[in-house]
Amino acid sequence: MKKKTLTVISYLYSILVFGSFCIRGYLVEKEEGVIDPTKHEMPLILFVGLMLIGVVMAGVDFNSVKEKGSKITRKSVLTGIVIGLLFVFWGVVRSLD
């Protein structure tokens, strides 16, 4: 895949997921007054999974900037996945305190 294509896909994906999360949260809050995570557990898990995919895509895009050429290598993909998982691990560790 070309770097420019991944960058466009990554930005569009992130905007769509974050925007739909905000719209969904606004509509739920408008109907019920508050957002109860226990009632909306499945959509929240779905959005967390989609955001994790976005973090991995952003990590791959970020890592591919350093490499020469217009194609994304396997090394960039693996490093991007590791960056994304480290970011998620850091968030989980921070939430435990």
PDB file of N, CA and C in Angstrom:
ATOM      1  N   MET A   1       0.848  -1.173   0.000  1.00  0.00           N
ATOM      2  CA  MET A   1       0.000   0.000   0.000  1.00  0.00           C
ATOM      3  C   MET A   1       0.893   1.235   0.000  1.00  0.00           C
ATOM      4  N   LYS A   2       0.462   2.251  -0.678  1.00  0.00           N
ATOM      5  CA  LYS A   2       1.234   3.491  -0.725  1.00  0.00           C
ATOM      6  C   LYS A   2       1.016   4.297   0.559  1.00  0.00           C
ATOM      7  N   LYS A   3       2.014   5.073   0.914  1.00  0.00           N
ATOM      8  CA  LYS A   3       1.961   5.858   2.143  1.00  0.00           C
ATOM      9  C   LYS A   3       0.836   6.892   2.113  1.00  0.00           C
ATOM     10  N   LYS A   4       0.664   7.560   0.983  1.00  0.00           N
ATOM     11  CA  LYS A   4      -0.372   8.592   0.885  1.00  0.00           C
ATOM     12  C   LYS A   4      -1.761   7.986   1.047  1.00  0.00           C
ATOM     13  N   THR A   5      -1.957   6.805   0.492  1.00  0.00           N
ATOM     14  CA  THR A   5      -3.249   6.135   0.608  1.00  0.00           C
ATOM     15  C   THR A   5      -3.535   5.782   2.061  1.00  0.00           C
ATOM     16  N   LEU A   6      -2.533   5.246   2.764  1.00  0.00           N
ATOM     17  CA  LEU A   6      -2.724   4.904   4.172  1.00  0.00           C
ATOM     18  C   LEU A   6      -3.003   6.145   5.008  1.00  0.00           C
ATOM     19  N   THR A   7      -2.331   7.235   4.715  1.00  0.00           N
ATOM     20  CA  THR A   7      -2.561   8.462   5.467  1.00  0.00           C
ATOM     21  C   THR A   7      -3.996   8.938   5.298  1.00  0.00           C
ATOM     22  N   VAL A   8      -4.497   8.944   4.091  1.00  0.00           N
ATOM     23  CA  VAL A   8      -5.879   9.369   3.841  1.00  0.00           C
ATOM     24  C   VAL A   8      -6.860   8.429   4.533  1.00  0.00           C
ATOM     25  N   ILE A   9      -6.638   7.130   4.407  1.00  0.00           N
ATOM     26  CA  ILE A   9      -7.528   6.163   5.052  1.00  0.00           C
ATOM     27  C   ILE A   9      -7.487   6.317   6.567  1.00  0.00           C
ATOM     28  N   SER A  10      -6.311   6.506   7.116  1.00  0.00           N
ATOM     29  CA  SER A  10      -6.157   6.651   8.564  1.00  0.00           C
ATOM     30  C   SER A  10      -6.903   7.877   9.084  1.00  0.00           C
ATOM     31  N   TYR A  11      -6.745   9.005   8.401  1.00  0.00           N
ATOM     32  CA  TYR A  11      -7.434  10.218   8.840  1.00  0.00           C
ATOM     33  C   TYR A  11      -8.949  10.088   8.710  1.00  0.00           C
ATOM     34  N   LEU A  12      -9.418   9.582   7.586  1.00  0.00           N
ATOM     35  CA  LEU A  12     -10.863   9.414   7.402  1.00  0.00           C
ATOM     36  C   LEU A  12     -11.449   8.445   8.418  1.00  0.00           C
ATOM     37  N   TYR A  13     -10.777   7.335   8.650  1.00  0.00           N
ATOM     38  CA  TYR A  13     -11.242   6.348   9.609  1.00  0.00           C
ATOM     39  C   TYR A  13     -11.334   6.960  11.009  1.00  0.00           C
ATOM     40  N   SER A  14     -10.291   7.661  11.415  1.00  0.00           N
ATOM     41  CA  SER A  14     -10.280   8.267  12.756  1.00  0.00           C
ATOM     42  C   SER A  14     -11.382   9.303  12.905  1.00  0.00           C
ATOM     43  N   ILE A  15     -11.579  10.125  11.901  1.00  0.00           N
ATOM     44  CA  ILE A  15     -12.631  11.146  11.956  1.00  0.00           C
ATOM     45  C   ILE A  15     -14.011  10.500  12.019  1.00  0.00           C
ATOM     46  N   LEU A  16     -14.238   9.470  11.203  1.00  0.00           N
ATOM     47  CA  LEU A  16     -15.540   8.801  11.205  1.00  0.00           C
ATOM     48  C   LEU A  16     -15.829   8.100  12.531  1.00  0.00           C
ATOM     49  N   VAL A  17     -14.848   7.401  13.082  1.00  0.00           N
ATOM     50  CA  VAL A  17     -15.068   6.693  14.347  1.00  0.00           C
ATOM     51  C   VAL A  17     -15.281   7.684  15.484  1.00  0.00           C
ATOM     52  N   PHE A  18     -14.426   8.692  15.590  1.00  0.00           N
ATOM     53  CA  PHE A  18     -14.577   9.664  16.676  1.00  0.00           C
ATOM     54  C   PHE A  18     -15.876  10.452  16.524  1.00  0.00           C
ATOM     55  N   GLY A  19     -16.206  10.831  15.286  1.00  0.00           N
ATOM     56  CA  GLY A  19     -17.453  11.569  15.057  1.00  0.00           C
ATOM     57  C   GLY A  19     -18.678  10.737  15.385  1.00  0.00           C
ATOM     58  N   SER A  20     -18.689   9.477  14.973  1.00  0.00           N
ATOM     59  CA  SER A  20     -19.849   8.630  15.276  1.00  0.00           C
ATOM     60  C   SER A  20     -19.935   8.353  16.770  1.00  0.00           C
ATOM     61  N   PHE A  21     -18.796   8.253  17.465  1.00  0.00           N
ATOM     62  CA  PHE A  21     -18.809   8.083  18.916  1.00  0.00           C
ATOM     63  C   PHE A  21     -19.425   9.302  19.596  1.00  0.00           C
ATOM     64  N   CYS A  22     -19.050  10.485  19.156  1.00  0.00           N
ATOM     65  CA  CYS A  22     -19.604  11.716  19.730  1.00  0.00           C
ATOM     66  C   CYS A  22     -21.101  11.840  19.449  1.00  0.00           C
ATOM     67  N   ILE A  23     -21.508  11.530  18.232  1.00  0.00           N
ATOM     68  CA  ILE A  23     -22.931  11.604  17.884  1.00  0.00           C
ATOM     69  C   ILE A  23     -23.729  10.597  18.702  1.00  0.00           C
ATOM     70  N   ARG A  24     -23.222   9.368  18.806  1.00  0.00           N
ATOM     71  CA  ARG A  24     -23.904   8.331  19.588  1.00  0.00           C
ATOM     72  C   ARG A  24     -24.015   8.755  21.051  1.00  0.00           C
ATOM     73  N   GLY A  25     -22.943   9.276  21.617  1.00  0.00           N
ATOM     74  CA  GLY A  25     -22.970   9.747  23.001  1.00  0.00           C
ATOM     75  C   GLY A  25     -23.952  10.884  23.202  1.00  0.00           C
ATOM     76  N   TYR A  26     -24.015  11.802  22.261  1.00  0.00           N
ATOM     77  CA  TYR A  26     -24.951  12.922  22.364  1.00  0.00           C
ATOM     78  C   TYR A  26     -26.401  12.432  22.311  1.00  0.00           C
ATOM     79  N   LEU A  27     -26.690  11.516  21.407  1.00  0.00           N
ATOM     80  CA  LEU A  27     -28.063  11.016  21.282  1.00  0.00           C
ATOM     81  C   LEU A  27     -28.485  10.217  22.506  1.00  0.00           C
ATOM     82  N   VAL A  28     -27.586   9.410  23.051  1.00  0.00           N
ATOM     83  CA  VAL A  28     -27.912   8.643  24.256  1.00  0.00           C
ATOM     84  C   VAL A  28     -28.108   9.580  25.436  1.00  0.00           C
ATOM     85  N   GLU A  29     -27.240  10.565  25.552  1.00  0.00           N
ATOM     86  CA  GLU A  29     -27.344  11.522  26.664  1.00  0.00           C
ATOM     87  C   GLU A  29     -28.614  12.339  26.538  1.00  0.00           C
ATOM     88  N   LYS A  30     -29.017  12.678  25.325  1.00  0.00           N
ATOM     89  CA  LYS A  30     -30.209  13.482  25.108  1.00  0.00           C
ATOM     90  C   LYS A  30     -31.469  12.708  25.499  1.00  0.00           C
ATOM     91  N   GLU A  31     -31.504  11.403  25.208  1.00  0.00           N
ATOM     92  CA  GLU A  31     -32.667  10.588  25.531  1.00  0.00           C
ATOM     93  C   GLU A  31     -32.791  10.317  27.027  1.00  0.00           C
ATOM     94  N   GLU A  32     -31.695   9.979  27.680  1.00  0.00           N
ATOM     95  CA  GLU A  32     -31.749   9.512  29.061  1.00  0.00           C
ATOM     96  C   GLU A  32     -31.257  10.531  30.081  1.00  0.00           C
ATOM     97  N   GLY A  33     -30.603  11.571  29.668  1.00  0.00           N
ATOM     98  CA  GLY A  33     -30.090  12.572  30.588  1.00  0.00           C
ATOM     99  C   GLY A  33     -28.670  12.299  31.046  1.00  0.00           C
ATOM    100  N   VAL A  34     -28.316  11.041  31.202  1.00  0.00           N
ATOM    101  CA  VAL A  34     -26.957  10.630  31.558  1.00  0.00           C
ATOM    102  C   VAL A  34     -26.596   9.397  30.732  1.00  0.00           C
ATOM    103  N   ILE A  35     -25.323   9.106  30.688  1.00  0.00           N
ATOM    104  CA  ILE A  35     -24.871   7.905  29.979  1.00  0.00           C
ATOM    105  C   ILE A  35     -24.468   6.876  31.020  1.00  0.00           C
ATOM    106  N   ASP A  36     -25.237   5.788  31.086  1.00  0.00           N
ATOM    107  CA  ASP A  36     -24.937   4.703  32.009  1.00  0.00           C
ATOM    108  C   ASP A  36     -24.135   3.638  31.263  1.00  0.00           C
ATOM    109  N   PRO A  37     -22.840   3.475  31.607  1.00  0.00           N
ATOM    110  CA  PRO A  37     -22.010   2.519  30.869  1.00  0.00           C
ATOM    111  C   PRO A  37     -22.524   1.076  30.942  1.00  0.00           C
ATOM    112  N   THR A  38     -23.220   0.719  32.016  1.00  0.00           N
ATOM    113  CA  THR A  38     -23.701  -0.661  32.123  1.00  0.00           C
ATOM    114  C   THR A  38     -24.820  -0.945  31.127  1.00  0.00           C
ATOM    115  N   LYS A  39     -25.614   0.057  30.791  1.00  0.00           N
ATOM    116  CA  LYS A  39     -26.693  -0.129  29.815  1.00  0.00           C
ATOM    117  C   LYS A  39     -26.155  -0.159  28.385  1.00  0.00           C
ATOM    118  N   HIS A  40     -25.078   0.542  28.143  1.00  0.00           N
ATOM    119  CA  HIS A  40     -24.528   0.691  26.789  1.00  0.00           C
ATOM    120  C   HIS A  40     -23.154   0.042  26.686  1.00  0.00           C
ATOM    121  N   GLU A  41     -22.993  -1.112  27.302  1.00  0.00           N
ATOM    122  CA  GLU A  41     -21.687  -1.760  27.347  1.00  0.00           C
ATOM    123  C   GLU A  41     -21.217  -2.230  25.968  1.00  0.00           C
ATOM    124  N   MET A  42     -22.094  -2.838  25.198  1.00  0.00           N
ATOM    125  CA  MET A  42     -21.686  -3.378  23.897  1.00  0.00           C
ATOM    126  C   MET A  42     -21.260  -2.283  22.907  1.00  0.00           C
ATOM    127  N   PRO A  43     -22.031  -1.188  22.761  1.00  0.00           N
ATOM    128  CA  PRO A  43     -21.540  -0.123  21.864  1.00  0.00           C
ATOM    129  C   PRO A  43     -20.221   0.496  22.332  1.00  0.00           C
ATOM    130  N   LEU A  44     -20.024   0.600  23.639  1.00  0.00           N
ATOM    131  CA  LEU A  44     -18.768   1.152  24.142  1.00  0.00           C
ATOM    132  C   LEU A  44     -17.597   0.226  23.828  1.00  0.00           C
ATOM    133  N   ILE A  45     -17.799  -1.077  23.979  1.00  0.00           N
ATOM    134  CA  ILE A  45     -16.749  -2.031  23.630  1.00  0.00           C
ATOM    135  C   ILE A  45     -16.445  -1.967  22.139  1.00  0.00           C
ATOM    136  N   LEU A  46     -17.494  -1.837  21.333  1.00  0.00           N
ATOM    137  CA  LEU A  46     -17.314  -1.720  19.887  1.00  0.00           C
ATOM    138  C   LEU A  46     -16.497  -0.479  19.529  1.00  0.00           C
ATOM    139  N   PHE A  47     -16.823   0.649  20.140  1.00  0.00           N
ATOM    140  CA  PHE A  47     -16.082   1.882  19.854  1.00  0.00           C
ATOM    141  C   PHE A  47     -14.635   1.793  20.344  1.00  0.00           C
ATOM    142  N   VAL A  48     -14.395   1.147  21.471  1.00  0.00           N
ATOM    143  CA  VAL A  48     -13.025   0.979  21.952  1.00  0.00           C
ATOM    144  C   VAL A  48     -12.228   0.121  20.966  1.00  0.00           C
ATOM    145  N   GLY A  49     -12.842  -0.939  20.455  1.00  0.00           N
ATOM    146  CA  GLY A  49     -12.178  -1.775  19.453  1.00  0.00           C
ATOM    147  C   GLY A  49     -11.878  -1.010  18.179  1.00  0.00           C
ATOM    148  N   LEU A  50     -12.844  -0.219  17.716  1.00  0.00           N
ATOM    149  CA  LEU A  50     -12.623   0.582  16.511  1.00  0.00           C
ATOM    150  C   LEU A  50     -11.548   1.636  16.723  1.00  0.00           C
ATOM    151  N   MET A  51     -11.514   2.228  17.907  1.00  0.00           N
ATOM    152  CA  MET A  51     -10.475   3.212  18.203  1.00  0.00           C
ATOM    153  C   MET A  51      -9.108   2.552  18.313  1.00  0.00           C
ATOM    154  N   LEU A  52      -9.054   1.311  18.792  1.00  0.00           N
ATOM    155  CA  LEU A  52      -7.792   0.584  18.831  1.00  0.00           C
ATOM    156  C   LEU A  52      -7.261   0.361  17.417  1.00  0.00           C
ATOM    157  N   ILE A  53      -8.140   0.030  16.498  1.00  0.00           N
ATOM    158  CA  ILE A  53      -7.729  -0.126  15.095  1.00  0.00           C
ATOM    159  C   ILE A  53      -7.196   1.205  14.567  1.00  0.00           C
ATOM    160  N   GLY A  54      -7.838   2.305  14.923  1.00  0.00           N
ATOM    161  CA  GLY A  54      -7.373   3.625  14.508  1.00  0.00           C
ATOM    162  C   GLY A  54      -6.009   3.967  15.075  1.00  0.00           C
ATOM    163  N   VAL A  55      -5.762   3.580  16.324  1.00  0.00           N
ATOM    164  CA  VAL A  55      -4.451   3.832  16.945  1.00  0.00           C
ATOM    165  C   VAL A  55      -3.366   3.025  16.233  1.00  0.00           C
ATOM    166  N   VAL A  56      -3.671   1.780  15.889  1.00  0.00           N
ATOM    167  CA  VAL A  56      -2.695   0.953  15.165  1.00  0.00           C
ATOM    168  C   VAL A  56      -2.424   1.546  13.789  1.00  0.00           C
ATOM    169  N   MET A  57      -3.474   1.983  13.095  1.00  0.00           N
ATOM    170  CA  MET A  57      -3.279   2.597  11.778  1.00  0.00           C
ATOM    171  C   MET A  57      -2.454   3.871  11.877  1.00  0.00           C
ATOM    172  N   ALA A  58      -2.703   4.661  12.909  1.00  0.00           N
ATOM    173  CA  ALA A  58      -1.914   5.881  13.100  1.00  0.00           C
ATOM    174  C   ALA A  58      -0.462   5.541  13.415  1.00  0.00           C
ATOM    175  N   GLY A  59      -0.236   4.476  14.182  1.00  0.00           N
ATOM    176  CA  GLY A  59       1.127   4.049  14.480  1.00  0.00           C
ATOM    177  C   GLY A  59       1.867   3.591  13.232  1.00  0.00           C
ATOM    178  N   VAL A  60       1.182   2.857  12.371  1.00  0.00           N
ATOM    179  CA  VAL A  60       1.792   2.419  11.114  1.00  0.00           C
ATOM    180  C   VAL A  60       2.103   3.634  10.246  1.00  0.00           C
ATOM    181  N   ASP A  61       1.161   4.562  10.173  1.00  0.00           N
ATOM    182  CA  ASP A  61       1.373   5.774   9.372  1.00  0.00           C
ATOM    183  C   ASP A  61       2.532   6.596   9.924  1.00  0.00           C
ATOM    184  N   PHE A  62       2.591   6.733  11.235  1.00  0.00           N
ATOM    185  CA  PHE A  62       3.656   7.500  11.864  1.00  0.00           C
ATOM    186  C   PHE A  62       5.021   6.858  11.612  1.00  0.00           C
ATOM    187  N   ASN A  63       5.084   5.541  11.717  1.00  0.00           N
ATOM    188  CA  ASN A  63       6.354   4.852  11.529  1.00  0.00           C
ATOM    189  C   ASN A  63       6.788   4.835  10.066  1.00  0.00           C
ATOM    190  N   SER A  64       5.834   4.831   9.141  1.00  0.00           N
ATOM    191  CA  SER A  64       6.198   4.775   7.724  1.00  0.00           C
ATOM    192  C   SER A  64       6.772   6.096   7.213  1.00  0.00           C
ATOM    193  N   VAL A  65       6.598   7.168   7.958  1.00  0.00           N
ATOM    194  CA  VAL A  65       7.148   8.464   7.548  1.00  0.00           C
ATOM    195  C   VAL A  65       8.673   8.417   7.530  1.00  0.00           C
ATOM    196  N   LYS A  66       9.260   7.663   8.452  1.00  0.00           N
ATOM    197  CA  LYS A  66      10.716   7.612   8.559  1.00  0.00           C
ATOM    198  C   LYS A  66      11.373   6.818   7.439  1.00  0.00           C
ATOM    199  N   GLU A  67      10.638   5.900   6.839  1.00  0.00           N
ATOM    200  CA  GLU A  67      11.229   5.027   5.837  1.00  0.00           C
ATOM    201  C   GLU A  67      11.250   5.680   4.459  1.00  0.00           C
ATOM    202  N   LYS A  68      12.220   5.266   3.669  1.00  0.00           N
ATOM    203  CA  LYS A  68      12.337   5.783   2.312  1.00  0.00           C
ATOM    204  C   LYS A  68      11.434   4.979   1.392  1.00  0.00           C
ATOM    205  N   GLY A  69      11.049   5.582   0.294  1.00  0.00           N
ATOM    206  CA  GLY A  69      10.205   4.903  -0.679  1.00  0.00           C
ATOM    207  C   GLY A  69       8.740   5.270  -0.476  1.00  0.00           C
ATOM    208  N   SER A  70       7.929   4.840  -1.418  1.00  0.00           N
ATOM    209  CA  SER A  70       6.509   5.195  -1.349  1.00  0.00           C
ATOM    210  C   SER A  70       5.636   4.054  -0.843  1.00  0.00           C
ATOM    211  N   LYS A  71       6.221   2.894  -0.607  1.00  0.00           N
ATOM    212  CA  LYS A  71       5.470   1.726  -0.129  1.00  0.00           C
ATOM    213  C   LYS A  71       5.683   1.535   1.363  1.00  0.00           C
ATOM    214  N   ILE A  72       4.702   0.905   1.993  1.00  0.00           N
ATOM    215  CA  ILE A  72       4.797   0.584   3.412  1.00  0.00           C
ATOM    216  C   ILE A  72       5.356  -0.821   3.542  1.00  0.00           C
ATOM    217  N   THR A  73       6.389  -0.967   4.358  1.00  0.00           N
ATOM    218  CA  THR A  73       7.032  -2.264   4.517  1.00  0.00           C
ATOM    219  C   THR A  73       6.422  -3.037   5.681  1.00  0.00           C
ATOM    220  N   ARG A  74       6.751  -4.306   5.740  1.00  0.00           N
ATOM    221  CA  ARG A  74       6.265  -5.157   6.835  1.00  0.00           C
ATOM    222  C   ARG A  74       6.799  -4.653   8.175  1.00  0.00           C
ATOM    223  N   LYS A  75       8.026  -4.146   8.181  1.00  0.00           N
ATOM    224  CA  LYS A  75       8.618  -3.614   9.408  1.00  0.00           C
ATOM    225  C   LYS A  75       7.797  -2.436   9.931  1.00  0.00           C
ATOM    226  N   SER A  76       7.326  -1.572   9.042  1.00  0.00           N
ATOM    227  CA  SER A  76       6.491  -0.437   9.449  1.00  0.00           C
ATOM    228  C   SER A  76       5.186  -0.911  10.061  1.00  0.00           C
ATOM    229  N   VAL A  77       4.600  -1.922   9.469  1.00  0.00           N
ATOM    230  CA  VAL A  77       3.321  -2.443   9.979  1.00  0.00           C
ATOM    231  C   VAL A  77       3.513  -3.039  11.369  1.00  0.00           C
ATOM    232  N   LEU A  78       4.531  -3.861  11.530  1.00  0.00           N
ATOM    233  CA  LEU A  78       4.767  -4.475  12.843  1.00  0.00           C
ATOM    234  C   LEU A  78       5.112  -3.442  13.906  1.00  0.00           C
ATOM    235  N   THR A  79       5.941  -2.480  13.551  1.00  0.00           N
ATOM    236  CA  THR A  79       6.286  -1.424  14.505  1.00  0.00           C
ATOM    237  C   THR A  79       5.065  -0.583  14.846  1.00  0.00           C
ATOM    238  N   GLY A  80       4.200  -0.309  13.870  1.00  0.00           N
ATOM    239  CA  GLY A  80       2.974   0.434  14.129  1.00  0.00           C
ATOM    240  C   GLY A  80       2.034  -0.308  15.061  1.00  0.00           C
ATOM    241  N   ILE A  81       1.951  -1.620  14.892  1.00  0.00           N
ATOM    242  CA  ILE A  81       1.119  -2.426  15.790  1.00  0.00           C
ATOM    243  C   ILE A  81       1.673  -2.382  17.210  1.00  0.00           C
ATOM    244  N   VAL A  82       2.978  -2.476  17.339  1.00  0.00           N
ATOM    245  CA  VAL A  82       3.599  -2.409  18.667  1.00  0.00           C
ATOM    246  C   VAL A  82       3.363  -1.031  19.293  1.00  0.00           C
ATOM    247  N   ILE A  83       3.485   0.032  18.516  1.00  0.00           N
ATOM    248  CA  ILE A  83       3.228   1.380  19.039  1.00  0.00           C
ATOM    249  C   ILE A  83       1.789   1.491  19.522  1.00  0.00           C
ATOM    250  N   GLY A  84       0.844   1.005  18.726  1.00  0.00           N
ATOM    251  CA  GLY A  84      -0.562   1.046  19.119  1.00  0.00           C
ATOM    252  C   GLY A  84      -0.835   0.255  20.380  1.00  0.00           C
ATOM    253  N   LEU A  85      -0.278  -0.946  20.480  1.00  0.00           N
ATOM    254  CA  LEU A  85      -0.491  -1.763  21.674  1.00  0.00           C
ATOM    255  C   LEU A  85       0.174  -1.164  22.907  1.00  0.00           C
ATOM    256  N   LEU A  86       1.343  -0.551  22.736  1.00  0.00           N
ATOM    257  CA  LEU A  86       1.981   0.138  23.864  1.00  0.00           C
ATOM    258  C   LEU A  86       1.144   1.320  24.341  1.00  0.00           C
ATOM    259  N   PHE A  87       0.540   2.035  23.412  1.00  0.00           N
ATOM    260  CA  PHE A  87      -0.318   3.152  23.781  1.00  0.00           C
ATOM    261  C   PHE A  87      -1.525   2.661  24.580  1.00  0.00           C
ATOM    262  N   VAL A  88      -2.136   1.560  24.142  1.00  0.00           N
ATOM    263  CA  VAL A  88      -3.276   0.988  24.860  1.00  0.00           C
ATOM    264  C   VAL A  88      -2.836   0.477  26.228  1.00  0.00           C
ATOM    265  N   PHE A  89      -1.692  -0.209  26.293  1.00  0.00           N
ATOM    266  CA  PHE A  89      -1.175  -0.702  27.566  1.00  0.00           C
ATOM    267  C   PHE A  89      -0.916   0.450  28.528  1.00  0.00           C
ATOM    268  N   TRP A  90      -0.357   1.536  28.021  1.00  0.00           N
ATOM    269  CA  TRP A  90      -0.102   2.718  28.855  1.00  0.00           C
ATOM    270  C   TRP A  90      -1.417   3.278  29.398  1.00  0.00           C
ATOM    271  N   GLY A  91      -2.466   3.329  28.564  1.00  0.00           N
ATOM    272  CA  GLY A  91      -3.766   3.810  29.019  1.00  0.00           C
ATOM    273  C   GLY A  91      -4.374   2.922  30.091  1.00  0.00           C
ATOM    274  N   VAL A  92      -4.213   1.615  29.936  1.00  0.00           N
ATOM    275  CA  VAL A  92      -4.748   0.685  30.926  1.00  0.00           C
ATOM    276  C   VAL A  92      -4.004   0.836  32.255  1.00  0.00           C
ATOM    277  N   VAL A  93      -2.682   0.945  32.204  1.00  0.00           N
ATOM    278  CA  VAL A  93      -1.886   1.098  33.420  1.00  0.00           C
ATOM    279  C   VAL A  93      -2.242   2.412  34.112  1.00  0.00           C
ATOM    280  N   ARG A  94      -2.444   3.466  33.363  1.00  0.00           N
ATOM    281  CA  ARG A  94      -2.802   4.759  33.964  1.00  0.00           C
ATOM    282  C   ARG A  94      -4.168   4.699  34.635  1.00  0.00           C
ATOM    283  N   SER A  95      -5.094   3.909  34.062  1.00  0.00           N
ATOM    284  CA  SER A  95      -6.443   3.844  34.631  1.00  0.00           C
ATOM    285  C   SER A  95      -6.485   3.016  35.915  1.00  0.00           C
ATOM    286  N   LEU A  96      -5.469   2.192  36.158  1.00  0.00           N
ATOM    287  CA  LEU A  96      -5.457   1.368  37.357  1.00  0.00           C
ATOM    288  C   LEU A  96      -5.103   2.157  38.601  1.00  0.00           C
ATOM    289  N   ASP A  97      -4.410   3.267  38.461  1.00  0.00           N
ATOM    290  CA  ASP A  97      -4.011   4.073  39.626  1.00  0.00           C
ATOM    291  C   ASP A  97      -5.155   4.811  40.220  1.00  0.00           C
TER     292      ASP A  97
END
